[in-house]
Protein backbone atom coordinates (compact mmCIF):
# COMPACT_ATOMS: atom_id res chain seq x y z
CA UNK A 1 0.00 0.00 0.00
CA UNK A 2 2.95 2.35 0.31
CA UNK A 3 2.91 2.86 -3.46
CA UNK A 4 -0.01 5.28 -3.01
CA UNK A 5 1.52 7.34 -0.19
CA UNK A 6 2.44 10.22 -2.51
CA UNK A 7 -1.04 10.35 -4.02
CA UNK A 8 -2.67 10.31 -0.61
CA UNK A 9 -0.36 13.04 0.70
CA UNK A 10 -1.04 15.26 -2.35
CA UNK A 11 -4.80 14.84 -1.93
CA UNK A 12 -4.56 15.58 1.80
CA UNK A 13 -2.57 18.74 1.02
CA UNK A 14 -5.17 19.81 -1.58
CA UNK A 15 -7.99 19.36 0.93
CA UNK A 16 -6.07 21.40 3.51
CA UNK A 17 -5.50 24.12 0.90
CA UNK A 18 -9.21 24.24 0.07
CA UNK A 19 -10.12 24.60 3.75
CA UNK A 20 -7.51 27.34 4.18
CA UNK A 21 -8.81 29.09 1.05
CA UNK A 22 -12.29 29.44 2.55
CA UNK A 23 -10.95 31.31 5.58
CA UNK A 24 -11.04 35.08 5.91
CA UNK A 25 -7.96 37.02 4.81
CA UNK A 26 -9.38 40.41 5.72
CA UNK A 27 -12.62 42.28 6.35
CA UNK A 28 -12.90 45.97 5.44
CA UNK A 29 -15.84 48.34 5.89
CA UNK A 30 -15.78 51.91 4.62
CA UNK A 31 -18.60 54.34 3.74
CA UNK A 32 -21.20 51.62 3.46
CA UNK A 33 -19.05 49.30 1.35
CA UNK A 34 -18.08 46.02 2.95
CA UNK A 35 -15.24 44.04 1.38
CA UNK A 36 -14.40 40.53 2.48
CA UNK A 37 -11.38 38.80 0.96
CA UNK A 38 -10.70 35.14 1.46
CA UNK A 39 -7.35 33.37 1.41
CA UNK A 40 -8.14 31.89 -1.99
CA UNK A 41 -8.20 35.41 -3.47
CA UNK A 42 -11.96 35.68 -3.98
CA UNK A 43 -13.65 38.87 -2.78
CA UNK A 44 -17.19 39.66 -1.74
CA UNK A 45 -18.04 43.35 -2.11
CA UNK A 46 -21.37 44.54 -0.71
CA UNK A 47 -22.57 48.11 -1.02
CA UNK A 48 -25.05 48.56 1.82
CA UNK A 49 -26.17 51.92 0.41
CA UNK A 50 -27.45 50.39 -2.83
CA UNK A 51 -27.88 46.76 -1.67
CA UNK A 52 -25.64 45.52 -4.49
CA UNK A 53 -23.42 42.50 -3.97
CA UNK A 54 -20.50 41.65 -6.23
CA UNK A 55 -18.37 38.51 -6.14
CA UNK A 56 -14.90 38.92 -7.62
CA UNK A 57 -13.12 35.68 -8.46
CA UNK A 58 -9.34 35.40 -8.19
CA UNK A 59 -7.76 35.60 -11.65
CA UNK A 60 -4.10 35.04 -10.85
CA UNK A 61 -1.81 32.50 -12.43
CA UNK A 62 -0.98 30.83 -9.14
CA UNK A 63 -2.97 27.82 -7.97
CA UNK A 64 -4.56 27.61 -4.55
CA UNK A 65 -2.15 24.82 -3.62
CA UNK A 66 0.83 27.04 -4.53
CA UNK A 67 -0.56 29.94 -2.49
CA UNK A 68 -1.15 27.62 0.48
CA UNK A 69 2.40 26.26 0.23
CA UNK A 70 3.75 29.83 0.26
CA UNK A 71 1.63 30.58 3.32
CA UNK A 72 3.01 27.54 5.13
CA UNK A 73 6.58 28.52 4.27
CA UNK A 74 5.96 32.05 5.51
CA UNK A 75 6.53 33.68 2.13
CA UNK A 76 4.78 36.91 1.26
CA UNK A 77 1.58 36.18 -0.63
C-alpha atoms as a PDB file:
ATOM      1  CA  UNK A   1       0.000   0.000   0.000  1.00  0.00           C
ATOM      2  CA  UNK A   2       2.951   2.350   0.307  1.00  0.00           C
ATOM      3  CA  UNK A   3       2.907   2.857  -3.458  1.00  0.00           C
ATOM      4  CA  UNK A   4      -0.008   5.282  -3.008  1.00  0.00           C
ATOM      5  CA  UNK A   5       1.517   7.344  -0.191  1.00  0.00           C
ATOM      6  CA  UNK A   6       2.442  10.223  -2.512  1.00  0.00           C
ATOM      7  CA  UNK A   7      -1.036  10.347  -4.024  1.00  0.00           C
ATOM      8  CA  UNK A   8      -2.672  10.310  -0.607  1.00  0.00           C
ATOM      9  CA  UNK A   9      -0.359  13.044   0.702  1.00  0.00           C
ATOM     10  CA  UNK A  10      -1.038  15.256  -2.347  1.00  0.00           C
ATOM     11  CA  UNK A  11      -4.800  14.838  -1.928  1.00  0.00           C
ATOM     12  CA  UNK A  12      -4.560  15.581   1.798  1.00  0.00           C
ATOM     13  CA  UNK A  13      -2.574  18.736   1.016  1.00  0.00           C
ATOM     14  CA  UNK A  14      -5.171  19.806  -1.582  1.00  0.00           C
ATOM     15  CA  UNK A  15      -7.985  19.361   0.935  1.00  0.00           C
ATOM     16  CA  UNK A  16      -6.073  21.398   3.512  1.00  0.00           C
ATOM     17  CA  UNK A  17      -5.497  24.121   0.901  1.00  0.00           C
ATOM     18  CA  UNK A  18      -9.213  24.237   0.067  1.00  0.00           C
ATOM     19  CA  UNK A  19     -10.119  24.600   3.748  1.00  0.00           C
ATOM     20  CA  UNK A  20      -7.515  27.339   4.182  1.00  0.00           C
ATOM     21  CA  UNK A  21      -8.806  29.093   1.050  1.00  0.00           C
ATOM     22  CA  UNK A  22     -12.286  29.440   2.550  1.00  0.00           C
ATOM     23  CA  UNK A  23     -10.953  31.313   5.579  1.00  0.00           C
ATOM     24  CA  UNK A  24     -11.037  35.083   5.910  1.00  0.00           C
ATOM     25  CA  UNK A  25      -7.959  37.019   4.813  1.00  0.00           C
ATOM     26  CA  UNK A  26      -9.384  40.411   5.722  1.00  0.00           C
ATOM     27  CA  UNK A  27     -12.617  42.284   6.348  1.00  0.00           C
ATOM     28  CA  UNK A  28     -12.901  45.970   5.445  1.00  0.00           C
ATOM     29  CA  UNK A  29     -15.837  48.339   5.891  1.00  0.00           C
ATOM     30  CA  UNK A  30     -15.781  51.912   4.622  1.00  0.00           C
ATOM     31  CA  UNK A  31     -18.599  54.339   3.736  1.00  0.00           C
ATOM     32  CA  UNK A  32     -21.204  51.625   3.461  1.00  0.00           C
ATOM     33  CA  UNK A  33     -19.053  49.299   1.350  1.00  0.00           C
ATOM     34  CA  UNK A  34     -18.076  46.018   2.955  1.00  0.00           C
ATOM     35  CA  UNK A  35     -15.245  44.039   1.384  1.00  0.00           C
ATOM     36  CA  UNK A  36     -14.396  40.525   2.477  1.00  0.00           C
ATOM     37  CA  UNK A  37     -11.379  38.804   0.955  1.00  0.00           C
ATOM     38  CA  UNK A  38     -10.704  35.137   1.455  1.00  0.00           C
ATOM     39  CA  UNK A  39      -7.346  33.366   1.413  1.00  0.00           C
ATOM     40  CA  UNK A  40      -8.135  31.887  -1.994  1.00  0.00           C
ATOM     41  CA  UNK A  41      -8.205  35.409  -3.466  1.00  0.00           C
ATOM     42  CA  UNK A  42     -11.962  35.684  -3.984  1.00  0.00           C
ATOM     43  CA  UNK A  43     -13.654  38.872  -2.781  1.00  0.00           C
ATOM     44  CA  UNK A  44     -17.191  39.658  -1.740  1.00  0.00           C
ATOM     45  CA  UNK A  45     -18.042  43.349  -2.106  1.00  0.00           C
ATOM     46  CA  UNK A  46     -21.367  44.540  -0.708  1.00  0.00           C
ATOM     47  CA  UNK A  47     -22.570  48.111  -1.024  1.00  0.00           C
ATOM     48  CA  UNK A  48     -25.047  48.560   1.821  1.00  0.00           C
ATOM     49  CA  UNK A  49     -26.174  51.917   0.407  1.00  0.00           C
ATOM     50  CA  UNK A  50     -27.453  50.390  -2.829  1.00  0.00           C
ATOM     51  CA  UNK A  51     -27.881  46.762  -1.666  1.00  0.00           C
ATOM     52  CA  UNK A  52     -25.644  45.524  -4.490  1.00  0.00           C
ATOM     53  CA  UNK A  53     -23.418  42.504  -3.971  1.00  0.00           C
ATOM     54  CA  UNK A  54     -20.496  41.655  -6.227  1.00  0.00           C
ATOM     55  CA  UNK A  55     -18.375  38.508  -6.139  1.00  0.00           C
ATOM     56  CA  UNK A  56     -14.905  38.921  -7.618  1.00  0.00           C
ATOM     57  CA  UNK A  57     -13.119  35.683  -8.459  1.00  0.00           C
ATOM     58  CA  UNK A  58      -9.342  35.398  -8.190  1.00  0.00           C
ATOM     59  CA  UNK A  59      -7.761  35.597 -11.650  1.00  0.00           C
ATOM     60  CA  UNK A  60      -4.102  35.043 -10.846  1.00  0.00           C
ATOM     61  CA  UNK A  61      -1.806  32.497 -12.428  1.00  0.00           C
ATOM     62  CA  UNK A  62      -0.977  30.831  -9.143  1.00  0.00           C
ATOM     63  CA  UNK A  63      -2.969  27.821  -7.967  1.00  0.00           C
ATOM     64  CA  UNK A  64      -4.557  27.612  -4.545  1.00  0.00           C
ATOM     65  CA  UNK A  65      -2.155  24.823  -3.616  1.00  0.00           C
ATOM     66  CA  UNK A  66       0.826  27.036  -4.534  1.00  0.00           C
ATOM     67  CA  UNK A  67      -0.560  29.938  -2.494  1.00  0.00           C
ATOM     68  CA  UNK A  68      -1.148  27.620   0.479  1.00  0.00           C
ATOM     69  CA  UNK A  69       2.401  26.259   0.228  1.00  0.00           C
ATOM     70  CA  UNK A  70       3.751  29.830   0.259  1.00  0.00           C
ATOM     71  CA  UNK A  71       1.631  30.578   3.317  1.00  0.00           C
ATOM     72  CA  UNK A  72       3.006  27.542   5.133  1.00  0.00           C
ATOM     73  CA  UNK A  73       6.584  28.524   4.266  1.00  0.00           C
ATOM     74  CA  UNK A  74       5.963  32.047   5.511  1.00  0.00           C
ATOM     75  CA  UNK A  75       6.532  33.683   2.126  1.00  0.00           C
ATOM     76  CA  UNK A  76       4.781  36.911   1.260  1.00  0.00           C
ATOM     77  CA  UNK A  77       1.580  36.176  -0.627  1.00  0.00           C
END
